[in-house]
N, C-alpha and C. Protein backbone atom coordinates (compact mmCIF):
# COMPACT_ATOMS: atom_id res chain seq x y z
N MET A 1 33.94 -17.21 -5.30
CA MET A 1 33.88 -18.08 -4.14
C MET A 1 34.36 -17.32 -2.91
N VAL A 2 33.73 -17.57 -1.79
CA VAL A 2 34.10 -16.91 -0.55
C VAL A 2 34.91 -17.86 0.32
N GLY A 3 35.60 -17.28 1.29
CA GLY A 3 36.40 -18.11 2.18
C GLY A 3 36.62 -17.45 3.52
N ARG A 4 37.04 -18.26 4.46
CA ARG A 4 37.38 -17.77 5.80
C ARG A 4 38.84 -17.38 5.82
N VAL A 5 39.14 -16.27 6.44
CA VAL A 5 40.52 -15.85 6.61
C VAL A 5 41.08 -16.58 7.83
N LEU A 6 42.21 -17.27 7.63
CA LEU A 6 42.85 -18.03 8.69
C LEU A 6 44.25 -17.50 8.95
N ILE A 7 44.67 -17.58 10.21
CA ILE A 7 46.04 -17.26 10.59
C ILE A 7 46.57 -18.42 11.44
N ASP A 8 47.88 -18.48 11.59
CA ASP A 8 48.48 -19.49 12.47
C ASP A 8 48.62 -18.91 13.87
N CYS A 9 48.15 -19.67 14.87
CA CYS A 9 48.33 -19.26 16.26
C CYS A 9 49.81 -19.38 16.59
N PRO A 10 50.43 -18.31 17.08
CA PRO A 10 51.86 -18.39 17.40
C PRO A 10 52.15 -19.27 18.61
N GLU A 11 51.15 -19.55 19.43
CA GLU A 11 51.35 -20.38 20.61
C GLU A 11 51.24 -21.86 20.29
N THR A 12 50.22 -22.24 19.51
CA THR A 12 49.95 -23.66 19.25
C THR A 12 50.31 -24.11 17.84
N GLY A 13 50.44 -23.15 16.91
CA GLY A 13 50.71 -23.49 15.52
C GLY A 13 49.47 -23.88 14.74
N GLU A 14 48.31 -23.94 15.41
CA GLU A 14 47.06 -24.30 14.72
C GLU A 14 46.59 -23.15 13.84
N GLN A 15 45.94 -23.51 12.72
CA GLN A 15 45.29 -22.49 11.91
C GLN A 15 43.97 -22.15 12.58
N VAL A 16 43.71 -20.85 12.76
CA VAL A 16 42.49 -20.40 13.43
C VAL A 16 41.79 -19.35 12.59
N PHE A 17 40.48 -19.30 12.74
CA PHE A 17 39.64 -18.34 12.03
C PHE A 17 39.93 -16.94 12.56
N ALA A 18 40.19 -16.01 11.66
CA ALA A 18 40.55 -14.65 12.04
C ALA A 18 39.34 -13.71 12.10
N GLY A 19 38.14 -14.26 11.95
CA GLY A 19 36.94 -13.44 12.11
C GLY A 19 36.45 -12.75 10.86
N MET A 20 37.00 -13.08 9.69
CA MET A 20 36.58 -12.45 8.45
C MET A 20 36.22 -13.51 7.42
N ILE A 21 35.16 -13.24 6.69
CA ILE A 21 34.81 -14.05 5.52
C ILE A 21 34.83 -13.10 4.33
N LEU A 22 35.67 -13.41 3.36
CA LEU A 22 35.86 -12.53 2.20
C LEU A 22 35.77 -13.34 0.91
N ASP A 23 35.46 -12.65 -0.18
CA ASP A 23 35.59 -13.32 -1.47
C ASP A 23 37.04 -13.19 -1.93
N GLU A 24 37.38 -13.95 -2.96
CA GLU A 24 38.77 -14.00 -3.41
C GLU A 24 39.29 -12.63 -3.86
N ALA A 25 38.43 -11.85 -4.51
CA ALA A 25 38.85 -10.53 -4.99
C ALA A 25 39.18 -9.59 -3.82
N ALA A 26 38.34 -9.60 -2.80
CA ALA A 26 38.58 -8.75 -1.64
C ALA A 26 39.85 -9.17 -0.91
N PHE A 27 40.07 -10.47 -0.81
CA PHE A 27 41.29 -10.96 -0.15
C PHE A 27 42.52 -10.57 -0.95
N ALA A 28 42.44 -10.73 -2.28
CA ALA A 28 43.57 -10.39 -3.15
C ALA A 28 43.87 -8.89 -3.12
N ALA A 29 42.83 -8.07 -2.92
CA ALA A 29 43.02 -6.62 -2.87
C ALA A 29 43.77 -6.21 -1.61
N GLY A 30 43.73 -7.06 -0.61
CA GLY A 30 44.49 -6.80 0.60
C GLY A 30 43.65 -6.33 1.77
N ILE A 31 44.13 -6.64 2.94
CA ILE A 31 43.53 -6.18 4.19
C ILE A 31 44.43 -5.04 4.66
N ALA A 32 43.90 -3.83 4.63
CA ALA A 32 44.72 -2.64 4.80
C ALA A 32 45.35 -2.50 6.18
N ASP A 33 44.60 -2.75 7.19
CA ASP A 33 45.07 -2.49 8.54
C ASP A 33 45.56 -3.74 9.24
N VAL A 34 46.34 -3.55 10.27
CA VAL A 34 46.69 -4.65 11.16
C VAL A 34 45.43 -4.99 11.95
N GLN A 35 45.14 -6.26 12.06
CA GLN A 35 43.92 -6.74 12.71
C GLN A 35 44.25 -7.40 14.04
N ARG A 36 43.24 -7.51 14.89
CA ARG A 36 43.39 -8.21 16.16
C ARG A 36 42.26 -9.23 16.27
N VAL A 37 42.57 -10.37 16.85
CA VAL A 37 41.55 -11.41 17.02
C VAL A 37 41.85 -12.19 18.29
N ARG A 38 40.78 -12.57 18.99
CA ARG A 38 40.95 -13.48 20.13
C ARG A 38 41.04 -14.88 19.54
N CYS A 39 42.11 -15.56 19.83
CA CYS A 39 42.43 -16.86 19.24
C CYS A 39 41.54 -17.96 19.81
N GLU A 40 40.96 -18.75 18.91
CA GLU A 40 40.14 -19.90 19.31
C GLU A 40 40.98 -21.01 19.92
N ALA A 41 42.26 -21.05 19.60
CA ALA A 41 43.13 -22.14 20.06
C ALA A 41 43.70 -21.89 21.45
N CYS A 42 44.15 -20.66 21.72
CA CYS A 42 44.84 -20.40 22.99
C CYS A 42 44.18 -19.35 23.86
N GLY A 43 43.20 -18.62 23.31
CA GLY A 43 42.49 -17.62 24.08
C GLY A 43 43.15 -16.25 24.14
N GLN A 44 44.37 -16.13 23.64
CA GLN A 44 45.06 -14.84 23.65
C GLN A 44 44.60 -13.98 22.48
N ILE A 45 44.92 -12.70 22.54
CA ILE A 45 44.65 -11.81 21.42
C ILE A 45 45.92 -11.71 20.58
N HIS A 46 45.77 -11.98 19.29
CA HIS A 46 46.88 -11.92 18.35
C HIS A 46 46.66 -10.78 17.37
N THR A 47 47.71 -10.11 17.00
CA THR A 47 47.65 -9.13 15.92
C THR A 47 48.18 -9.82 14.66
N TRP A 48 47.60 -9.45 13.53
CA TRP A 48 48.00 -10.07 12.28
C TRP A 48 47.74 -9.10 11.13
N SER A 49 48.39 -9.40 10.01
CA SER A 49 48.20 -8.61 8.80
C SER A 49 47.98 -9.55 7.62
N GLN A 50 47.77 -8.98 6.48
CA GLN A 50 47.53 -9.76 5.26
C GLN A 50 48.63 -10.81 5.03
N ASP A 51 49.87 -10.47 5.32
CA ASP A 51 50.98 -11.40 5.09
C ASP A 51 50.89 -12.65 5.96
N ASP A 52 50.18 -12.57 7.07
CA ASP A 52 50.04 -13.70 7.99
C ASP A 52 48.86 -14.60 7.65
N ALA A 53 48.02 -14.19 6.71
CA ALA A 53 46.73 -14.84 6.49
C ALA A 53 46.69 -15.67 5.21
N ILE A 54 45.79 -16.65 5.25
CA ILE A 54 45.43 -17.40 4.05
C ILE A 54 43.92 -17.41 3.93
N LEU A 55 43.41 -17.72 2.75
CA LEU A 55 41.97 -17.79 2.53
C LEU A 55 41.58 -19.25 2.36
N GLU A 56 40.77 -19.75 3.29
CA GLU A 56 40.24 -21.11 3.20
C GLU A 56 38.93 -21.03 2.43
N LYS A 57 38.93 -21.54 1.20
CA LYS A 57 37.76 -21.42 0.35
C LYS A 57 36.62 -22.30 0.88
N LEU A 58 35.42 -21.74 0.85
CA LEU A 58 34.22 -22.45 1.28
C LEU A 58 33.32 -22.70 0.09
N THR A 59 32.70 -23.86 0.07
CA THR A 59 31.69 -24.11 -0.95
C THR A 59 30.47 -23.28 -0.59
N PRO A 60 29.57 -23.03 -1.55
CA PRO A 60 28.35 -22.26 -1.22
C PRO A 60 27.55 -22.89 -0.08
N ASP A 61 27.49 -24.21 -0.01
CA ASP A 61 26.75 -24.87 1.08
C ASP A 61 27.42 -24.62 2.43
N GLN A 62 28.74 -24.69 2.49
CA GLN A 62 29.45 -24.42 3.75
C GLN A 62 29.22 -22.98 4.19
N HIS A 63 29.25 -22.05 3.24
CA HIS A 63 29.06 -20.64 3.56
C HIS A 63 27.66 -20.40 4.11
N ARG A 64 26.64 -20.95 3.46
CA ARG A 64 25.26 -20.79 3.94
C ARG A 64 25.09 -21.37 5.33
N PHE A 65 25.68 -22.55 5.58
CA PHE A 65 25.59 -23.19 6.89
C PHE A 65 26.22 -22.30 7.96
N ARG A 66 27.39 -21.75 7.69
CA ARG A 66 28.08 -20.91 8.68
C ARG A 66 27.28 -19.64 8.96
N LEU A 67 26.71 -19.03 7.92
CA LEU A 67 25.89 -17.83 8.14
C LEU A 67 24.66 -18.16 8.96
N ARG A 68 23.99 -19.24 8.61
CA ARG A 68 22.77 -19.63 9.32
C ARG A 68 23.09 -19.92 10.77
N ARG A 69 24.20 -20.62 11.05
CA ARG A 69 24.59 -20.95 12.41
C ARG A 69 24.86 -19.69 13.23
N ARG A 70 25.47 -18.69 12.62
CA ARG A 70 25.75 -17.43 13.33
C ARG A 70 24.46 -16.70 13.66
N LEU A 71 23.49 -16.70 12.74
CA LEU A 71 22.25 -15.98 12.96
C LEU A 71 21.40 -16.64 14.04
N VAL A 72 21.51 -17.94 14.19
CA VAL A 72 20.72 -18.67 15.17
C VAL A 72 21.22 -18.46 16.58
N ARG A 73 22.50 -18.25 16.75
CA ARG A 73 23.09 -18.11 18.10
C ARG A 73 22.53 -16.98 18.87
């Protein structure tokens, strides 16, 4: 199963999409580098690492919908 990587916005406390979709094995193997993302909640750029992230599991239908929506934009 695949999922979206989420982090907590330090400004608002909201969980936000960190820009990665991974399967459980890839997430468990770890994200090697410190990452940067423009936050959907506050607009700032946040740095984060594996310790800051969780994996929000997506059903196959949710994953297909998100991919299709990205390709259409």
